[in-house]
Each structure stands twice: as C-alpha cells, then as structure tokens.
Amino acid sequence: MELHQEIEITIIKTYIAHFWAPFVKSLKEFQLLKPKDKVCVCISGGKDSMLLAKLFQELKRHSDFEFEVTYLVMNPGYNERNLKLIQSNLNLLHIDAIVKNTDIFEIANAQTKTPCYLCAKMRRGALYKLAKELGCNKIALGHHYDDVIETTLMNMLNNGSFQTMLPKLHSDNYEGMELIRPMYFIRERDIQRWVNYNELVFLNCACKFTEDINKSKDLTGSKRYDTKLLIKDLLKYNPFVEKNIFKAPFNVNVDKVIGYKLHNKEISFLDEYDEN
C-alpha cells in the first residue's frame, strides 16, 4: 500500500468520527453540495485546506450523485522554499492541483497599516475570479469549528457586532458563485492530531509580514492568536465555553436584542415595542 493510501485510511477509519462524520454532517445540514455542482477546492498549502482536498477526494469516490471538483492553489507570491513544500505535499497526497500565480503579497506588503486585511480581501477576490474562469460555481474553503468561534468572538470584542462565519454564502460580485465551508464541524485540534499521526509538515501563512512575526517568536498583536489565548483562558471559567460560543448564532432570540440588520435594513426593538 502506498503512503497516500495509508493516509487516506486514517481519514475514513482512524479519524472517521473526527473528520468524515462531521464533514458529511455539514454537507447535509447546510445543503452545501448539489448534483452537477462544480466545486473549486482552494488549497493554501496549510493543514486545513490539504485535509479538505483529501475529504473531497473521498467524497468523489463515495457520493451518490455526480459533481465535479477542481483543486486550485493560488500562489499569492510564496517564496521558492514554500512553493516546493506545497508541491511536495500535493505529490505526497496525490492531489492533482492547478497552480495559479499572482502578485498579491507584493501589493499587500507594500501597505504599512493593514497588510493582512488587504491581503485577505485580494486573495478572496482572486479566488472568485479564478474559480469562475475554471467553470466552477462553488468555492470550498478549509475553515473549521475553531475559526467559527474565534470569528464570532472577535466580532463581538473588536467590532461591537454579533455575527459569525456562515457555512455558505453567495458572492456579491460574481453572480452564481457560492462559497462553502464543509469543515464547519471539524475541530482544529483533531486536524493537528492527524498531522502529527502521519508525520506531515504543512505550510503556515507565509507572507513576509507573518514570516517576520514568526522569526521574532512574538505572535502577540495578531487578533486571531490573541483570541485563541482568550478562549483558552475562558475554558478555565467554563469548560463548555467553546461549544456555547459555537451554538450561540444558532440560538439567537430576536425578542431579546436591541437591534439587528436584515437585508441591510436596520431594525430596532422599538419598531414593534408599543404593539405588544
């Protein structure tokens, strides 16, 4: 048995309850995939997107309806070492991916104030454009359970708003294009266990800005990293805090909020207060 086959067995057998079951659950519960869909699985080179690609390979083998999958690596300007690592992992895992080059890192890193925000925005736009050119109608990203709770908490603490990372959403600028997150119920700690179990090495975010932070070993200042640490501290207060943050957007009681937005229209509890 080849190495990539042994790794695949760990996904559907060793970690079936951690990966395959929650992956299928998200597909069904949120109706992420339909017959005749053409899905662009976006691979950044990190552990999450590589696992996502392997899950879609398994799905293609076992699905009870037809759909198409294209695996895309959008190169925003990785250095040669990182590109070689990505290609090495693609070969190791038998993922036949298309690589498209862009100059996003060069443009974003020229900005001194908000390079990460600009980079994320440009990468998302480039992904939509490339997926459209490839004839796809859906983009699959490797965001997981922990990304969801961190995003929910970050919005509350830093933006003063209650909003979460949705399992799917329509593109505002590319008609007919939809973004999906099939790893919505998968925990990051389980992904890391799978990586360690198979002795795999994947890419972290590798722009110049992040590389400089990693070299200094000082990750403070990253809102997402700080939020991870905060959640870790909150677990001492309540061991169910992660589950509760994740569940909160599923259990919004509109009768108990001051205001909310619906289709960009602001609605206040006062609008119907005197009618009750």
C-alpha atoms as a PDB file:
ATOM      1  CA  MET A   1       0.000   0.000   0.000  1.00  0.00           C
ATOM      2  CA  GLU A   2       1.329   3.427  -0.947  1.00  0.00           C
ATOM      3  CA  LEU A   3       1.792   6.193   1.639  1.00  0.00           C
ATOM      4  CA  HIS A   4      -1.034   8.373   0.321  1.00  0.00           C
ATOM      5  CA  GLN A   5      -3.405   5.381   0.650  1.00  0.00           C
ATOM      6  CA  GLU A   6      -2.335   4.822   4.255  1.00  0.00           C
ATOM      7  CA  ILE A   7      -3.023   8.495   4.974  1.00  0.00           C
ATOM      8  CA  GLU A   8      -6.439   8.225   3.331  1.00  0.00           C
ATOM      9  CA  ILE A   9      -7.300   5.282   5.580  1.00  0.00           C
ATOM     10  CA  THR A  10      -6.579   7.417   8.644  1.00  0.00           C
ATOM     11  CA  ILE A  11      -9.158   9.933   7.382  1.00  0.00           C
ATOM     12  CA  ILE A  12     -12.005   7.467   6.823  1.00  0.00           C
ATOM     13  CA  LYS A  13     -11.179   4.968   9.556  1.00  0.00           C
ATOM     14  CA  THR A  14      -8.810   6.159  12.299  1.00  0.00           C
ATOM     15  CA  TYR A  15     -10.351   9.642  12.423  1.00  0.00           C
ATOM     16  CA  ILE A  16     -13.731   8.861  10.904  1.00  0.00           C
ATOM     17  CA  ALA A  17     -15.644  10.353  13.853  1.00  0.00           C
ATOM     18  CA  HIS A  18     -13.487  13.481  13.797  1.00  0.00           C
ATOM     19  CA  PHE A  19     -13.349  14.136  10.039  1.00  0.00           C
ATOM     20  CA  TRP A  20     -15.614  12.123   7.797  1.00  0.00           C
ATOM     21  CA  ALA A  21     -18.728  12.195  10.001  1.00  0.00           C
ATOM     22  CA  PRO A  22     -18.682  15.969  10.681  1.00  0.00           C
ATOM     23  CA  PHE A  23     -17.754  16.649   7.042  1.00  0.00           C
ATOM     24  CA  VAL A  24     -20.803  14.751   5.785  1.00  0.00           C
ATOM     25  CA  LYS A  25     -22.942  16.330   8.521  1.00  0.00           C
ATOM     26  CA  SER A  26     -22.112  19.854   7.323  1.00  0.00           C
ATOM     27  CA  LEU A  27     -22.776  18.931   3.694  1.00  0.00           C
ATOM     28  CA  LYS A  28     -26.236  17.621   4.577  1.00  0.00           C
ATOM     29  CA  GLU A  29     -27.275  20.022   7.328  1.00  0.00           C
ATOM     30  CA  PHE A  30     -26.348  23.153   5.380  1.00  0.00           C
ATOM     31  CA  GLN A  31     -27.078  21.738   1.892  1.00  0.00           C
ATOM     32  CA  LEU A  32     -23.596  22.654   0.686  1.00  0.00           C
ATOM     33  CA  LEU A  33     -23.475  20.395  -2.356  1.00  0.00           C
ATOM     34  CA  LYS A  34     -25.972  19.631  -5.119  1.00  0.00           C
ATOM     35  CA  PRO A  35     -25.902  17.388  -8.200  1.00  0.00           C
ATOM     36  CA  LYS A  36     -23.978  18.878 -11.128  1.00  0.00           C
ATOM     37  CA  ASP A  37     -22.104  21.343  -8.898  1.00  0.00           C
ATOM     38  CA  LYS A  38     -18.586  22.278  -9.987  1.00  0.00           C
ATOM     39  CA  VAL A  39     -16.540  22.866  -6.860  1.00  0.00           C
ATOM     40  CA  CYS A  40     -13.228  24.676  -6.679  1.00  0.00           C
ATOM     41  CA  VAL A  41     -11.383  23.365  -3.613  1.00  0.00           C
ATOM     42  CA  CYS A  42      -8.932  26.106  -2.652  1.00  0.00           C
ATOM     43  CA  ILE A  43      -5.620  24.913  -1.242  1.00  0.00           C
ATOM     44  CA  SER A  44      -3.427  27.385   0.616  1.00  0.00           C
ATOM     45  CA  GLY A  45      -0.813  24.778   1.482  1.00  0.00           C
ATOM     46  CA  GLY A  46      -1.791  24.586   5.127  1.00  0.00           C
ATOM     47  CA  LYS A  47      -3.093  21.580   7.052  1.00  0.00           C
ATOM     48  CA  ASP A  48      -6.757  22.603   6.875  1.00  0.00           C
ATOM     49  CA  SER A  49      -7.032  23.046   3.116  1.00  0.00           C
ATOM     50  CA  MET A  50      -4.963  19.928   2.415  1.00  0.00           C
ATOM     51  CA  LEU A  51      -7.317  17.873   4.579  1.00  0.00           C
ATOM     52  CA  LEU A  52     -10.277  19.470   2.800  1.00  0.00           C
ATOM     53  CA  ALA A  53      -8.871  18.330  -0.549  1.00  0.00           C
ATOM     54  CA  LYS A  54      -8.492  14.762   0.729  1.00  0.00           C
ATOM     55  CA  LEU A  55     -12.056  14.792   2.071  1.00  0.00           C
ATOM     56  CA  PHE A  56     -13.366  15.835  -1.333  1.00  0.00           C
ATOM     57  CA  GLN A  57     -11.366  13.051  -2.968  1.00  0.00           C
ATOM     58  CA  GLU A  58     -13.094  10.567  -0.680  1.00  0.00           C
ATOM     59  CA  LEU A  59     -16.454  12.173  -1.351  1.00  0.00           C
ATOM     60  CA  LYS A  60     -15.978  11.771  -5.092  1.00  0.00           C
ATOM     61  CA  ARG A  61     -15.426   8.046  -4.551  1.00  0.00           C
ATOM     62  CA  HIS A  62     -18.498   7.556  -2.372  1.00  0.00           C
ATOM     63  CA  SER A  63     -21.037  10.206  -3.385  1.00  0.00           C
ATOM     64  CA  ASP A  64     -24.455   9.039  -4.581  1.00  0.00           C
ATOM     65  CA  PHE A  65     -24.704  11.884  -7.117  1.00  0.00           C
ATOM     66  CA  GLU A  66     -22.437  13.431  -9.725  1.00  0.00           C
ATOM     67  CA  PHE A  67     -20.456  16.608  -9.181  1.00  0.00           C
ATOM     68  CA  GLU A  68     -17.105  17.939 -10.370  1.00  0.00           C
ATOM     69  CA  VAL A  69     -14.077  19.026  -8.335  1.00  0.00           C
ATOM     70  CA  THR A  70     -11.127  21.196  -9.310  1.00  0.00           C
ATOM     71  CA  TYR A  71      -8.230  21.627  -6.892  1.00  0.00           C
ATOM     72  CA  LEU A  72      -6.675  25.095  -7.008  1.00  0.00           C
ATOM     73  CA  VAL A  73      -3.537  26.502  -5.413  1.00  0.00           C
ATOM     74  CA  MET A  74      -3.489  30.265  -5.759  1.00  0.00           C
ATOM     75  CA  ASN A  75       0.108  31.381  -5.297  1.00  0.00           C
ATOM     76  CA  PRO A  76      -0.025  34.920  -3.869  1.00  0.00           C
ATOM     77  CA  GLY A  77       3.755  35.186  -4.022  1.00  0.00           C
ATOM     78  CA  TYR A  78       5.216  32.386  -1.895  1.00  0.00           C
ATOM     79  CA  ASN A  79       8.988  32.102  -1.801  1.00  0.00           C
ATOM     80  CA  GLU A  80      10.614  29.159  -3.554  1.00  0.00           C
ATOM     81  CA  ARG A  81      11.006  27.118  -0.366  1.00  0.00           C
ATOM     82  CA  ASN A  82       7.302  27.334   0.463  1.00  0.00           C
ATOM     83  CA  LEU A  83       6.249  26.577  -3.107  1.00  0.00           C
ATOM     84  CA  LYS A  84       8.401  23.450  -3.043  1.00  0.00           C
ATOM     85  CA  LEU A  85       6.781  22.355   0.233  1.00  0.00           C
ATOM     86  CA  ILE A  86       3.305  22.790  -1.231  1.00  0.00           C
ATOM     87  CA  GLN A  87       4.179  20.869  -4.391  1.00  0.00           C
ATOM     88  CA  SER A  88       5.857  18.145  -2.344  1.00  0.00           C
ATOM     89  CA  ASN A  89       2.703  17.680  -0.258  1.00  0.00           C
ATOM     90  CA  LEU A  90       0.491  17.687  -3.353  1.00  0.00           C
ATOM     91  CA  ASN A  91       2.619  14.892  -4.791  1.00  0.00           C
ATOM     92  CA  LEU A  92       2.728  13.000  -1.486  1.00  0.00           C
ATOM     93  CA  LEU A  93      -1.048  13.137  -1.042  1.00  0.00           C
ATOM     94  CA  HIS A  94      -1.801  12.552  -4.742  1.00  0.00           C
ATOM     95  CA  ILE A  95      -3.719  15.811  -5.162  1.00  0.00           C
ATOM     96  CA  ASP A  96      -3.780  16.948  -8.780  1.00  0.00           C
ATOM     97  CA  ALA A  97      -3.994  20.728  -8.318  1.00  0.00           C
ATOM     98  CA  ILE A  98      -3.784  23.675 -10.678  1.00  0.00           C
ATOM     99  CA  VAL A  99      -1.336  26.383  -9.554  1.00  0.00           C
ATOM    100  CA  LYS A 100      -2.087  29.992 -10.464  1.00  0.00           C
ATOM    101  CA  ASN A 101       0.431  32.768  -9.737  1.00  0.00           C
ATOM    102  CA  THR A 102      -0.468  36.270  -8.519  1.00  0.00           C
ATOM    103  CA  ASP A 103       1.429  39.240  -7.016  1.00  0.00           C
ATOM    104  CA  ILE A 104      -0.886  39.722  -4.029  1.00  0.00           C
ATOM    105  CA  PHE A 105       1.839  39.518  -1.357  1.00  0.00           C
ATOM    106  CA  GLU A 106       3.917  42.159  -3.119  1.00  0.00           C
ATOM    107  CA  ILE A 107       0.983  44.578  -3.271  1.00  0.00           C
ATOM    108  CA  ALA A 108      -0.328  43.882   0.255  1.00  0.00           C
ATOM    109  CA  ASN A 109       3.074  44.052   1.935  1.00  0.00           C
ATOM    110  CA  ALA A 110       3.633  47.498   0.453  1.00  0.00           C
ATOM    111  CA  GLN A 111       0.892  48.671   2.809  1.00  0.00           C
ATOM    112  CA  THR A 112       2.265  49.570   6.239  1.00  0.00           C
ATOM    113  CA  LYS A 113      -1.024  49.783   8.144  1.00  0.00           C
ATOM    114  CA  THR A 114      -3.320  46.899   7.209  1.00  0.00           C
ATOM    115  CA  PRO A 115      -1.429  44.357   5.052  1.00  0.00           C
ATOM    116  CA  CYS A 116      -3.378  41.373   6.402  1.00  0.00           C
ATOM    117  CA  TYR A 117      -6.773  42.933   5.687  1.00  0.00           C
ATOM    118  CA  LEU A 118      -5.763  43.926   2.159  1.00  0.00           C
ATOM    119  CA  CYS A 119      -4.156  40.538   1.512  1.00  0.00           C
ATOM    120  CA  ALA A 120      -7.276  38.650   2.640  1.00  0.00           C
ATOM    121  CA  LYS A 121      -9.536  40.849   0.541  1.00  0.00           C
ATOM    122  CA  MET A 122      -7.372  40.497  -2.584  1.00  0.00           C
ATOM    123  CA  ARG A 123      -6.986  36.747  -2.156  1.00  0.00           C
ATOM    124  CA  ARG A 124     -10.735  36.270  -1.825  1.00  0.00           C
ATOM    125  CA  GLY A 125     -11.351  38.340  -4.967  1.00  0.00           C
ATOM    126  CA  ALA A 126      -8.682  36.433  -6.887  1.00  0.00           C
ATOM    127  CA  LEU A 127     -10.154  33.086  -5.807  1.00  0.00           C
ATOM    128  CA  TYR A 128     -13.602  34.035  -7.077  1.00  0.00           C
ATOM    129  CA  LYS A 129     -12.151  35.225 -10.388  1.00  0.00           C
ATOM    130  CA  LEU A 130     -10.025  32.108 -10.911  1.00  0.00           C
ATOM    131  CA  ALA A 131     -12.844  29.745  -9.880  1.00  0.00           C
ATOM    132  CA  LYS A 132     -15.157  31.449 -12.349  1.00  0.00           C
ATOM    133  CA  GLU A 133     -12.569  31.088 -15.115  1.00  0.00           C
ATOM    134  CA  LEU A 134     -12.297  27.374 -14.275  1.00  0.00           C
ATOM    135  CA  GLY A 135     -16.053  26.971 -14.780  1.00  0.00           C
ATOM    136  CA  CYS A 136     -16.856  26.396 -11.105  1.00  0.00           C
ATOM    137  CA  ASN A 137     -19.966  27.598  -9.311  1.00  0.00           C
ATOM    138  CA  LYS A 138     -18.767  26.915  -5.760  1.00  0.00           C
ATOM    139  CA  ILE A 139     -15.594  27.653  -3.812  1.00  0.00           C
ATOM    140  CA  ALA A 140     -14.764  25.363  -0.878  1.00  0.00           C
ATOM    141  CA  LEU A 141     -12.569  26.750   1.907  1.00  0.00           C
ATOM    142  CA  GLY A 142     -10.959  24.925   4.828  1.00  0.00           C
ATOM    143  CA  HIS A 143     -12.383  26.984   7.683  1.00  0.00           C
ATOM    144  CA  HIS A 144     -13.215  24.826  10.697  1.00  0.00           C
ATOM    145  CA  TYR A 145     -15.099  24.894  14.016  1.00  0.00           C
ATOM    146  CA  ASP A 146     -12.386  26.877  15.807  1.00  0.00           C
ATOM    147  CA  ASP A 147     -12.319  29.502  13.048  1.00  0.00           C
ATOM    148  CA  VAL A 148     -16.060  29.915  13.580  1.00  0.00           C
ATOM    149  CA  ILE A 149     -15.908  30.515  17.334  1.00  0.00           C
ATOM    150  CA  GLU A 150     -12.860  32.771  17.053  1.00  0.00           C
ATOM    151  CA  THR A 151     -14.548  34.879  14.366  1.00  0.00           C
ATOM    152  CA  THR A 152     -17.746  35.152  16.423  1.00  0.00           C
ATOM    153  CA  LEU A 153     -15.834  36.300  19.499  1.00  0.00           C
ATOM    154  CA  MET A 154     -13.564  38.650  17.520  1.00  0.00           C
ATOM    155  CA  ASN A 155     -16.572  40.421  16.025  1.00  0.00           C
ATOM    156  CA  MET A 156     -18.088  40.941  19.470  1.00  0.00           C
ATOM    157  CA  LEU A 157     -14.900  42.150  21.140  1.00  0.00           C
ATOM    158  CA  ASN A 158     -13.357  44.186  18.328  1.00  0.00           C
ATOM    159  CA  ASN A 159     -16.275  45.324  16.177  1.00  0.00           C
ATOM    160  CA  GLY A 160     -19.134  45.512  18.647  1.00  0.00           C
ATOM    161  CA  SER A 161     -21.314  43.301  16.465  1.00  0.00           C
ATOM    162  CA  PHE A 162     -22.771  39.833  16.716  1.00  0.00           C
ATOM    163  CA  GLN A 163     -22.038  37.958  13.514  1.00  0.00           C
ATOM    164  CA  THR A 164     -20.448  34.646  12.746  1.00  0.00           C
ATOM    165  CA  MET A 165     -18.722  32.804   9.926  1.00  0.00           C
ATOM    166  CA  LEU A 166     -21.532  31.329   7.828  1.00  0.00           C
ATOM    167  CA  PRO A 167     -21.294  27.779   6.430  1.00  0.00           C
ATOM    168  CA  LYS A 168     -22.158  29.151   2.989  1.00  0.00           C
ATOM    169  CA  LEU A 169     -22.822  32.485   1.318  1.00  0.00           C
ATOM    170  CA  HIS A 170     -23.466  33.923  -2.125  1.00  0.00           C
ATOM    171  CA  SER A 171     -20.861  36.121  -3.782  1.00  0.00           C
ATOM    172  CA  ASP A 172     -21.827  39.781  -4.031  1.00  0.00           C
ATOM    173  CA  ASN A 173     -19.700  40.373  -7.127  1.00  0.00           C
ATOM    174  CA  TYR A 174     -19.745  37.070  -9.019  1.00  0.00           C
ATOM    175  CA  GLU A 175     -23.254  36.029  -9.986  1.00  0.00           C
ATOM    176  CA  GLY A 176     -23.999  32.360  -9.459  1.00  0.00           C
ATOM    177  CA  MET A 177     -20.863  31.828  -7.341  1.00  0.00           C
ATOM    178  CA  GLU A 178     -21.175  30.472  -3.810  1.00  0.00           C
ATOM    179  CA  LEU A 179     -18.638  29.991  -1.033  1.00  0.00           C
ATOM    180  CA  ILE A 180     -18.973  26.876   1.159  1.00  0.00           C
ATOM    181  CA  ARG A 181     -17.232  25.696   4.329  1.00  0.00           C
ATOM    182  CA  PRO A 182     -17.620  21.888   4.592  1.00  0.00           C
ATOM    183  CA  MET A 183     -15.259  21.591   7.603  1.00  0.00           C
ATOM    184  CA  TYR A 184     -17.609  23.653   9.768  1.00  0.00           C
ATOM    185  CA  PHE A 185     -17.940  20.960  12.461  1.00  0.00           C
ATOM    186  CA  ILE A 186     -14.295  19.769  12.447  1.00  0.00           C
ATOM    187  CA  ARG A 187     -12.043  20.740  15.371  1.00  0.00           C
ATOM    188  CA  GLU A 188      -8.585  22.141  14.770  1.00  0.00           C
ATOM    189  CA  ARG A 189      -7.051  20.002  17.498  1.00  0.00           C
ATOM    190  CA  ASP A 190      -8.171  16.864  15.639  1.00  0.00           C
ATOM    191  CA  ILE A 191      -6.618  18.134  12.414  1.00  0.00           C
ATOM    192  CA  GLN A 192      -3.342  18.682  14.248  1.00  0.00           C
ATOM    193  CA  ARG A 193      -3.512  15.175  15.727  1.00  0.00           C
ATOM    194  CA  TRP A 194      -3.971  13.765  12.213  1.00  0.00           C
ATOM    195  CA  VAL A 195      -0.975  15.791  11.000  1.00  0.00           C
ATOM    196  CA  ASN A 196       1.178  14.511  13.855  1.00  0.00           C
ATOM    197  CA  TYR A 197      -0.063  10.934  13.454  1.00  0.00           C
ATOM    198  CA  ASN A 198       1.010  10.872   9.806  1.00  0.00           C
ATOM    199  CA  GLU A 199       4.192  12.919  10.444  1.00  0.00           C
ATOM    200  CA  LEU A 200       3.165  15.525   7.882  1.00  0.00           C
ATOM    201  CA  VAL A 201       4.570  19.046   7.526  1.00  0.00           C
ATOM    202  CA  PHE A 202       2.367  21.740   6.035  1.00  0.00           C
ATOM    203  CA  LEU A 203       2.708  25.424   5.311  1.00  0.00           C
ATOM    204  CA  ASN A 204       1.643  28.165   7.696  1.00  0.00           C
ATOM    205  CA  CYS A 205       0.655  31.598   6.408  1.00  0.00           C
ATOM    206  CA  ALA A 206       3.854  32.545   4.604  1.00  0.00           C
ATOM    207  CA  CYS A 207       3.732  36.198   3.630  1.00  0.00           C
ATOM    208  CA  LYS A 208       6.681  38.417   4.576  1.00  0.00           C
ATOM    209  CA  PHE A 209       4.684  40.045   7.387  1.00  0.00           C
ATOM    210  CA  THR A 210       3.925  36.705   9.047  1.00  0.00           C
ATOM    211  CA  GLU A 211       7.433  35.366   8.474  1.00  0.00           C
ATOM    212  CA  ASP A 212       8.841  38.382  10.326  1.00  0.00           C
ATOM    213  CA  ILE A 213       6.496  37.707  13.260  1.00  0.00           C
ATOM    214  CA  ASN A 214       7.416  34.018  13.324  1.00  0.00           C
ATOM    215  CA  LYS A 215      11.129  34.835  13.320  1.00  0.00           C
ATOM    216  CA  SER A 216      10.689  37.096  16.333  1.00  0.00           C
ATOM    217  CA  LYS A 217       8.598  34.383  18.080  1.00  0.00           C
ATOM    218  CA  ASP A 218       6.222  37.161  19.131  1.00  0.00           C
ATOM    219  CA  LEU A 219       2.699  36.337  17.991  1.00  0.00           C
ATOM    220  CA  THR A 220       1.021  38.971  20.152  1.00  0.00           C
ATOM    221  CA  GLY A 221      -0.668  41.606  18.069  1.00  0.00           C
ATOM    222  CA  SER A 222      -2.404  39.005  15.926  1.00  0.00           C
ATOM    223  CA  LYS A 223      -6.076  39.358  16.842  1.00  0.00           C
ATOM    224  CA  ARG A 224      -6.819  35.734  15.969  1.00  0.00           C
ATOM    225  CA  TYR A 225      -3.885  34.435  18.026  1.00  0.00           C
ATOM    226  CA  ASP A 226      -4.887  36.649  20.959  1.00  0.00           C
ATOM    227  CA  THR A 227      -8.460  35.341  20.661  1.00  0.00           C
ATOM    228  CA  LYS A 228      -7.172  31.749  20.777  1.00  0.00           C
ATOM    229  CA  LEU A 229      -5.407  32.573  24.041  1.00  0.00           C
ATOM    230  CA  LEU A 230      -8.526  34.258  25.403  1.00  0.00           C
ATOM    231  CA  ILE A 231     -10.681  31.230  24.631  1.00  0.00           C
ATOM    232  CA  LYS A 232      -8.097  29.031  26.333  1.00  0.00           C
ATOM    233  CA  ASP A 233      -8.393  31.179  29.462  1.00  0.00           C
ATOM    234  CA  LEU A 234     -12.201  31.170  29.267  1.00  0.00           C
ATOM    235  CA  LEU A 235     -12.150  27.360  29.364  1.00  0.00           C
ATOM    236  CA  LYS A 236     -10.955  27.666  32.965  1.00  0.00           C
ATOM    237  CA  TYR A 237     -14.136  29.624  33.710  1.00  0.00           C
ATOM    238  CA  ASN A 238     -16.417  27.226  31.828  1.00  0.00           C
ATOM    239  CA  PRO A 239     -15.266  24.001  30.113  1.00  0.00           C
ATOM    240  CA  PHE A 240     -18.193  24.312  27.681  1.00  0.00           C
ATOM    241  CA  VAL A 241     -17.362  27.835  26.531  1.00  0.00           C
ATOM    242  CA  GLU A 242     -16.254  26.757  23.041  1.00  0.00           C
ATOM    243  CA  LYS A 243     -19.439  24.802  22.445  1.00  0.00           C
ATOM    244  CA  ASN A 244     -21.539  27.669  23.788  1.00  0.00           C
ATOM    245  CA  ILE A 245     -19.909  30.268  21.536  1.00  0.00           C
ATOM    246  CA  PHE A 246     -20.410  27.949  18.562  1.00  0.00           C
ATOM    247  CA  LYS A 247     -24.070  27.345  19.462  1.00  0.00           C
ATOM    248  CA  ALA A 248     -24.937  30.990  20.149  1.00  0.00           C
ATOM    249  CA  PRO A 249     -25.524  32.009  16.486  1.00  0.00           C
ATOM    250  CA  PHE A 250     -27.883  29.008  16.145  1.00  0.00           C
ATOM    251  CA  ASN A 251     -29.946  30.225  19.117  1.00  0.00           C
ATOM    252  CA  VAL A 252     -30.435  33.955  18.593  1.00  0.00           C
ATOM    253  CA  ASN A 253     -33.562  35.190  20.387  1.00  0.00           C
ATOM    254  CA  VAL A 254     -34.559  38.259  18.371  1.00  0.00           C
ATOM    255  CA  ASP A 255     -37.085  39.256  21.067  1.00  0.00           C
ATOM    256  CA  LYS A 256     -34.156  39.860  23.408  1.00  0.00           C
ATOM    257  CA  VAL A 257     -31.864  42.014  21.232  1.00  0.00           C
ATOM    258  CA  ILE A 258     -31.836  45.804  20.930  1.00  0.00           C
ATOM    259  CA  GLY A 259     -31.391  45.839  17.184  1.00  0.00           C
ATOM    260  CA  TYR A 260     -30.345  43.832  14.183  1.00  0.00           C
ATOM    261  CA  LYS A 261     -29.877  44.103  10.443  1.00  0.00           C
ATOM    262  CA  LEU A 262     -31.884  42.154   7.881  1.00  0.00           C
ATOM    263  CA  HIS A 263     -31.038  42.538   4.180  1.00  0.00           C
ATOM    264  CA  ASN A 264     -29.048  45.698   5.094  1.00  0.00           C
ATOM    265  CA  LYS A 265     -32.092  47.228   6.806  1.00  0.00           C
ATOM    266  CA  GLU A 266     -31.669  48.253  10.437  1.00  0.00           C
ATOM    267  CA  ILE A 267     -34.431  47.004  12.731  1.00  0.00           C
ATOM    268  CA  SER A 268     -34.915  48.151  16.332  1.00  0.00           C
ATOM    269  CA  PHE A 269     -36.838  46.505  19.151  1.00  0.00           C
ATOM    270  CA  LEU A 270     -38.707  49.820  19.397  1.00  0.00           C
ATOM    271  CA  ASP A 271     -40.281  49.325  15.965  1.00  0.00           C
ATOM    272  CA  GLU A 272     -42.866  46.929  17.397  1.00  0.00           C
ATOM    273  CA  TYR A 273     -42.481  47.650  21.104  1.00  0.00           C
ATOM    274  CA  ASP A 274     -45.782  49.510  21.590  1.00  0.00           C
ATOM    275  CA  GLU A 275     -47.673  46.938  19.524  1.00  0.00           C
ATOM    276  CA  ASN A 276     -47.042  44.164  22.027  1.00  0.00           C
END
